Amino acid sequence: MQLKRTDGSLIFKANVSTMRELVEIAIGSKIDLSEADLSGADLSGADLSYANLSQANLSKANLSKANL
């Protein structure tokens, strides 16, 4: 699975099955998620507390029970 910025450039990729897993691994690896395209992503229950999500596209993302 791949995580891209809003301009289409690649941020991070890993062999996982969900966007939540991908994002949490990226955060744990201290990857900068600013301007990430997370539109429509199911991030329910994700720990996003240490993520830099400035200018990230979170439109229609499921953030229920996520730790922001």
PDB file of N, CA and C in Angstrom:
ATOM      1  N   MET A   1       0.847  -1.165   0.000  1.00  0.00           N
ATOM      2  CA  MET A   1       0.000   0.000   0.000  1.00  0.00           C
ATOM      3  C   MET A   1       0.897   1.235   0.000  1.00  0.00           C
ATOM      4  N   GLN A   2       0.425   2.298  -0.610  1.00  0.00           N
ATOM      5  CA  GLN A   2       1.204   3.529  -0.721  1.00  0.00           C
ATOM      6  C   GLN A   2       0.484   4.708  -0.090  1.00  0.00           C
ATOM      7  N   LEU A   3       1.272   5.616   0.444  1.00  0.00           N
ATOM      8  CA  LEU A   3       0.774   6.865   1.010  1.00  0.00           C
ATOM      9  C   LEU A   3       1.386   7.991   0.192  1.00  0.00           C
ATOM     10  N   LYS A   4       0.533   8.855  -0.352  1.00  0.00           N
ATOM     11  CA  LYS A   4       1.016   9.932  -1.215  1.00  0.00           C
ATOM     12  C   LYS A   4       0.628  11.294  -0.672  1.00  0.00           C
ATOM     13  N   ARG A   5       1.328  12.302  -1.128  1.00  0.00           N
ATOM     14  CA  ARG A   5       0.991  13.690  -0.806  1.00  0.00           C
ATOM     15  C   ARG A   5      -0.120  14.154  -1.744  1.00  0.00           C
ATOM     16  N   THR A   6      -0.688  15.288  -1.432  1.00  0.00           N
ATOM     17  CA  THR A   6      -1.771  15.816  -2.256  1.00  0.00           C
ATOM     18  C   THR A   6      -1.307  16.150  -3.671  1.00  0.00           C
ATOM     19  N   ASP A   7       0.001  16.310  -3.876  1.00  0.00           N
ATOM     20  CA  ASP A   7       0.528  16.565  -5.226  1.00  0.00           C
ATOM     21  C   ASP A   7       0.855  15.272  -5.970  1.00  0.00           C
ATOM     22  N   GLY A   8       0.589  14.121  -5.338  1.00  0.00           N
ATOM     23  CA  GLY A   8       0.802  12.825  -5.964  1.00  0.00           C
ATOM     24  C   GLY A   8       2.159  12.197  -5.694  1.00  0.00           C
ATOM     25  N   SER A   9       3.055  12.917  -5.047  1.00  0.00           N
ATOM     26  CA  SER A   9       4.382  12.349  -4.757  1.00  0.00           C
ATOM     27  C   SER A   9       4.285  11.314  -3.634  1.00  0.00           C
ATOM     28  N   LEU A  10       5.115  10.300  -3.719  1.00  0.00           N
ATOM     29  CA  LEU A  10       5.110   9.203  -2.755  1.00  0.00           C
ATOM     30  C   LEU A  10       5.744   9.636  -1.435  1.00  0.00           C
ATOM     31  N   ILE A  11       5.051   9.319  -0.342  1.00  0.00           N
ATOM     32  CA  ILE A  11       5.582   9.592   0.999  1.00  0.00           C
ATOM     33  C   ILE A  11       6.188   8.320   1.581  1.00  0.00           C
ATOM     34  N   PHE A  12       5.419   7.226   1.498  1.00  0.00           N
ATOM     35  CA  PHE A  12       5.798   6.008   2.207  1.00  0.00           C
ATOM     36  C   PHE A  12       5.020   4.848   1.605  1.00  0.00           C
ATOM     37  N   LYS A  13       5.629   3.665   1.612  1.00  0.00           N
ATOM     38  CA  LYS A  13       4.903   2.460   1.205  1.00  0.00           C
ATOM     39  C   LYS A  13       5.323   1.291   2.071  1.00  0.00           C
ATOM     40  N   ALA A  14       4.406   0.373   2.264  1.00  0.00           N
ATOM     41  CA  ALA A  14       4.672  -0.819   3.075  1.00  0.00           C
ATOM     42  C   ALA A  14       3.690  -1.905   2.652  1.00  0.00           C
ATOM     43  N   ASN A  15       4.050  -3.123   2.940  1.00  0.00           N
ATOM     44  CA  ASN A  15       3.208  -4.261   2.602  1.00  0.00           C
ATOM     45  C   ASN A  15       2.220  -4.507   3.748  1.00  0.00           C
ATOM     46  N   VAL A  16       1.156  -3.713   3.766  1.00  0.00           N
ATOM     47  CA  VAL A  16       0.099  -3.826   4.776  1.00  0.00           C
ATOM     48  C   VAL A  16      -1.244  -3.826   4.059  1.00  0.00           C
ATOM     49  N   SER A  17      -2.301  -4.175   4.783  1.00  0.00           N
ATOM     50  CA  SER A  17      -3.611  -4.278   4.139  1.00  0.00           C
ATOM     51  C   SER A  17      -4.538  -3.099   4.406  1.00  0.00           C
ATOM     52  N   THR A  18      -4.203  -2.243   5.381  1.00  0.00           N
ATOM     53  CA  THR A  18      -5.092  -1.110   5.664  1.00  0.00           C
ATOM     54  C   THR A  18      -4.314   0.205   5.720  1.00  0.00           C
ATOM     55  N   MET A  19      -5.022   1.275   5.430  1.00  0.00           N
ATOM     56  CA  MET A  19      -4.414   2.602   5.496  1.00  0.00           C
ATOM     57  C   MET A  19      -4.052   2.933   6.939  1.00  0.00           C
ATOM     58  N   ARG A  20      -4.849   2.487   7.882  1.00  0.00           N
ATOM     59  CA  ARG A  20      -4.534   2.733   9.297  1.00  0.00           C
ATOM     60  C   ARG A  20      -3.164   2.148   9.646  1.00  0.00           C
ATOM     61  N   GLU A  21      -2.912   0.898   9.251  1.00  0.00           N
ATOM     62  CA  GLU A  21      -1.618   0.275   9.515  1.00  0.00           C
ATOM     63  C   GLU A  21      -0.489   1.061   8.854  1.00  0.00           C
ATOM     64  N   LEU A  22      -0.704   1.455   7.613  1.00  0.00           N
ATOM     65  CA  LEU A  22       0.312   2.192   6.864  1.00  0.00           C
ATOM     66  C   LEU A  22       0.653   3.505   7.558  1.00  0.00           C
ATOM     67  N   VAL A  23      -0.369   4.240   7.954  1.00  0.00           N
ATOM     68  CA  VAL A  23      -0.164   5.530   8.618  1.00  0.00           C
ATOM     69  C   VAL A  23       0.526   5.344   9.964  1.00  0.00           C
ATOM     70  N   GLU A  24       0.118   4.357  10.741  1.00  0.00           N
ATOM     71  CA  GLU A  24       0.737   4.144  12.047  1.00  0.00           C
ATOM     72  C   GLU A  24       2.206   3.724  11.915  1.00  0.00           C
ATOM     73  N   ILE A  25       2.535   2.927  10.916  1.00  0.00           N
ATOM     74  CA  ILE A  25       3.938   2.559  10.682  1.00  0.00           C
ATOM     75  C   ILE A  25       4.734   3.781  10.254  1.00  0.00           C
ATOM     76  N   ALA A  26       4.149   4.597   9.386  1.00  0.00           N
ATOM     77  CA  ALA A  26       4.825   5.823   8.936  1.00  0.00           C
ATOM     78  C   ALA A  26       5.092   6.748  10.117  1.00  0.00           C
ATOM     79  N   ILE A  27       4.117   6.906  10.991  1.00  0.00           N
ATOM     80  CA  ILE A  27       4.290   7.758  12.171  1.00  0.00           C
ATOM     81  C   ILE A  27       5.383   7.192  13.078  1.00  0.00           C
ATOM     82  N   GLY A  28       5.364   5.883  13.291  1.00  0.00           N
ATOM     83  CA  GLY A  28       6.386   5.241  14.114  1.00  0.00           C
ATOM     84  C   GLY A  28       7.784   5.365  13.523  1.00  0.00           C
ATOM     85  N   SER A  29       7.846   5.522  12.203  1.00  0.00           N
ATOM     86  CA  SER A  29       9.127   5.701  11.507  1.00  0.00           C
ATOM     87  C   SER A  29       9.504   7.170  11.361  1.00  0.00           C
ATOM     88  N   LYS A  30       8.703   8.022  12.002  1.00  0.00           N
ATOM     89  CA  LYS A  30       8.929   9.478  11.994  1.00  0.00           C
ATOM     90  C   LYS A  30       8.881  10.085  10.585  1.00  0.00           C
ATOM     91  N   ILE A  31       7.997   9.536   9.744  1.00  0.00           N
ATOM     92  CA  ILE A  31       7.782  10.065   8.404  1.00  0.00           C
ATOM     93  C   ILE A  31       6.887  11.299   8.514  1.00  0.00           C
ATOM     94  N   ASP A  32       7.257  12.363   7.813  1.00  0.00           N
ATOM     95  CA  ASP A  32       6.480  13.604   7.800  1.00  0.00           C
ATOM     96  C   ASP A  32       5.227  13.399   6.949  1.00  0.00           C
ATOM     97  N   LEU A  33       4.066  13.525   7.557  1.00  0.00           N
ATOM     98  CA  LEU A  33       2.804  13.328   6.849  1.00  0.00           C
ATOM     99  C   LEU A  33       2.135  14.643   6.452  1.00  0.00           C
ATOM    100  N   SER A  34       2.889  15.731   6.502  1.00  0.00           N
ATOM    101  CA  SER A  34       2.303  16.996   6.061  1.00  0.00           C
ATOM    102  C   SER A  34       1.930  16.874   4.587  1.00  0.00           C
ATOM    103  N   GLU A  35       0.794  17.400   4.252  1.00  0.00           N
ATOM    104  CA  GLU A  35       0.231  17.372   2.892  1.00  0.00           C
ATOM    105  C   GLU A  35      -0.107  15.959   2.416  1.00  0.00           C
ATOM    106  N   ALA A  36      -0.264  15.021   3.347  1.00  0.00           N
ATOM    107  CA  ALA A  36      -0.653  13.658   2.969  1.00  0.00           C
ATOM    108  C   ALA A  36      -2.087  13.648   2.457  1.00  0.00           C
ATOM    109  N   ASP A  37      -2.329  12.832   1.454  1.00  0.00           N
ATOM    110  CA  ASP A  37      -3.692  12.667   0.942  1.00  0.00           C
ATOM    111  C   ASP A  37      -4.326  11.488   1.668  1.00  0.00           C
ATOM    112  N   LEU A  38      -5.076  11.790   2.709  1.00  0.00           N
ATOM    113  CA  LEU A  38      -5.755  10.779   3.513  1.00  0.00           C
ATOM    114  C   LEU A  38      -7.263  10.834   3.308  1.00  0.00           C
ATOM    115  N   SER A  39      -7.684  11.434   2.213  1.00  0.00           N
ATOM    116  CA  SER A  39      -9.114  11.571   1.941  1.00  0.00           C
ATOM    117  C   SER A  39      -9.754  10.188   1.835  1.00  0.00           C
ATOM    118  N   GLY A  40     -10.836  10.011   2.568  1.00  0.00           N
ATOM    119  CA  GLY A  40     -11.585   8.765   2.549  1.00  0.00           C
ATOM    120  C   GLY A  40     -10.949   7.623   3.320  1.00  0.00           C
ATOM    121  N   ALA A  41      -9.813   7.850   3.957  1.00  0.00           N
ATOM    122  CA  ALA A  41      -9.113   6.780   4.677  1.00  0.00           C
ATOM    123  C   ALA A  41      -9.850   6.406   5.959  1.00  0.00           C
ATOM    124  N   ASP A  42      -9.880   5.120   6.262  1.00  0.00           N
ATOM    125  CA  ASP A  42     -10.438   4.658   7.532  1.00  0.00           C
ATOM    126  C   ASP A  42      -9.314   4.648   8.559  1.00  0.00           C
ATOM    127  N   LEU A  43      -9.288   5.680   9.379  1.00  0.00           N
ATOM    128  CA  LEU A  43      -8.264   5.820  10.418  1.00  0.00           C
ATOM    129  C   LEU A  43      -8.875   5.692  11.808  1.00  0.00           C
ATOM    130  N   SER A  44     -10.035   5.049  11.881  1.00  0.00           N
ATOM    131  CA  SER A  44     -10.706   4.905  13.167  1.00  0.00           C
ATOM    132  C   SER A  44      -9.811   4.160  14.146  1.00  0.00           C
ATOM    133  N   GLY A  45      -9.666   4.727  15.331  1.00  0.00           N
ATOM    134  CA  GLY A  45      -8.864   4.139  16.385  1.00  0.00           C
ATOM    135  C   GLY A  45      -7.358   4.320  16.225  1.00  0.00           C
ATOM    136  N   ALA A  46      -6.920   5.001  15.179  1.00  0.00           N
ATOM    137  CA  ALA A  46      -5.483   5.180  14.943  1.00  0.00           C
ATOM    138  C   ALA A  46      -4.876   6.165  15.944  1.00  0.00           C
ATOM    139  N   ASP A  47      -3.625   5.928  16.287  1.00  0.00           N
ATOM    140  CA  ASP A  47      -2.895   6.861  17.152  1.00  0.00           C
ATOM    141  C   ASP A  47      -2.155   7.852  16.250  1.00  0.00           C
ATOM    142  N   LEU A  48      -2.710   9.036  16.102  1.00  0.00           N
ATOM    143  CA  LEU A  48      -2.150  10.071  15.241  1.00  0.00           C
ATOM    144  C   LEU A  48      -1.511  11.188  16.066  1.00  0.00           C
ATOM    145  N   SER A  49      -1.325  10.938  17.361  1.00  0.00           N
ATOM    146  CA  SER A  49      -0.898  11.996  18.275  1.00  0.00           C
ATOM    147  C   SER A  49       0.472  12.581  17.953  1.00  0.00           C
ATOM    148  N   TYR A  50       1.341  11.835  17.315  1.00  0.00           N
ATOM    149  CA  TYR A  50       2.675  12.355  17.002  1.00  0.00           C
ATOM    150  C   TYR A  50       2.847  12.696  15.528  1.00  0.00           C
ATOM    151  N   ALA A  51       1.769  12.674  14.781  1.00  0.00           N
ATOM    152  CA  ALA A  51       1.846  12.920  13.339  1.00  0.00           C
ATOM    153  C   ALA A  51       1.798  14.409  13.008  1.00  0.00           C
ATOM    154  N   ASN A  52       2.600  14.802  12.046  1.00  0.00           N
ATOM    155  CA  ASN A  52       2.489  16.146  11.484  1.00  0.00           C
ATOM    156  C   ASN A  52       1.519  16.046  10.319  1.00  0.00           C
ATOM    157  N   LEU A  53       0.291  16.490  10.539  1.00  0.00           N
ATOM    158  CA  LEU A  53      -0.752  16.412   9.522  1.00  0.00           C
ATOM    159  C   LEU A  53      -1.085  17.787   8.952  1.00  0.00           C
ATOM    160  N   SER A  54      -0.161  18.724   9.063  1.00  0.00           N
ATOM    161  CA  SER A  54      -0.438  20.058   8.543  1.00  0.00           C
ATOM    162  C   SER A  54      -0.672  19.987   7.036  1.00  0.00           C
ATOM    163  N   GLN A  55      -1.707  20.623   6.593  1.00  0.00           N
ATOM    164  CA  GLN A  55      -2.111  20.684   5.189  1.00  0.00           C
ATOM    165  C   GLN A  55      -2.488  19.314   4.611  1.00  0.00           C
ATOM    166  N   ALA A  56      -2.680  18.308   5.468  1.00  0.00           N
ATOM    167  CA  ALA A  56      -3.112  16.995   4.986  1.00  0.00           C
ATOM    168  C   ALA A  56      -4.577  17.058   4.572  1.00  0.00           C
ATOM    169  N   ASN A  57      -4.922  16.288   3.560  1.00  0.00           N
ATOM    170  CA  ASN A  57      -6.309  16.204   3.118  1.00  0.00           C
ATOM    171  C   ASN A  57      -6.975  15.079   3.899  1.00  0.00           C
ATOM    172  N   LEU A  58      -7.847  15.460   4.828  1.00  0.00           N
ATOM    173  CA  LEU A  58      -8.564  14.502   5.665  1.00  0.00           C
ATOM    174  C   LEU A  58     -10.052  14.460   5.325  1.00  0.00           C
ATOM    175  N   SER A  59     -10.418  14.996   4.174  1.00  0.00           N
ATOM    176  CA  SER A  59     -11.833  15.036   3.810  1.00  0.00           C
ATOM    177  C   SER A  59     -12.396  13.622   3.703  1.00  0.00           C
ATOM    178  N   LYS A  60     -13.518  13.420   4.324  1.00  0.00           N
ATOM    179  CA  LYS A  60     -14.238  12.150   4.358  1.00  0.00           C
ATOM    180  C   LYS A  60     -13.449  11.014   5.005  1.00  0.00           C
ATOM    181  N   ALA A  61     -12.373  11.329   5.722  1.00  0.00           N
ATOM    182  CA  ALA A  61     -11.635  10.301   6.460  1.00  0.00           C
ATOM    183  C   ALA A  61     -12.411   9.947   7.725  1.00  0.00           C
ATOM    184  N   ASN A  62     -12.390   8.686   8.088  1.00  0.00           N
ATOM    185  CA  ASN A  62     -13.036   8.235   9.312  1.00  0.00           C
ATOM    186  C   ASN A  62     -12.029   8.365  10.446  1.00  0.00           C
ATOM    187  N   LEU A  63     -12.252   9.343  11.317  1.00  0.00           N
ATOM    188  CA  LEU A  63     -11.355   9.599  12.435  1.00  0.00           C
ATOM    189  C   LEU A  63     -11.997   9.252  13.781  1.00  0.00           C
ATOM    190  N   SER A  64     -13.069   8.445  13.744  1.00  0.00           N
ATOM    191  CA  SER A  64     -13.733   8.107  14.993  1.00  0.00           C
ATOM    192  C   SER A  64     -12.779   7.348  15.909  1.00  0.00           C
ATOM    193  N   LYS A  65     -12.749   7.742  17.148  1.00  0.00           N
ATOM    194  CA  LYS A  65     -11.903   7.167  18.192  1.00  0.00           C
ATOM    195  C   LYS A  65     -10.409   7.259  17.891  1.00  0.00           C
ATOM    196  N   ALA A  66     -10.022   8.084  16.936  1.00  0.00           N
ATOM    197  CA  ALA A  66      -8.587   8.291  16.653  1.00  0.00           C
ATOM    198  C   ALA A  66      -8.013   9.201  17.717  1.00  0.00           C
ATOM    199  N   ASN A  67      -6.778   8.962  18.088  1.00  0.00           N
ATOM    200  CA  ASN A  67      -6.082   9.794  19.064  1.00  0.00           C
ATOM    201  C   ASN A  67      -5.362  10.889  18.300  1.00  0.00           C
ATOM    202  N   LEU A  68      -5.916  12.108  18.388  1.00  0.00           N
ATOM    203  CA  LEU A  68      -5.325  13.240  17.695  1.00  0.00           C
ATOM    204  C   LEU A  68      -4.505  14.051  18.664  1.00  0.00           C
TER     205      LEU A  68
END
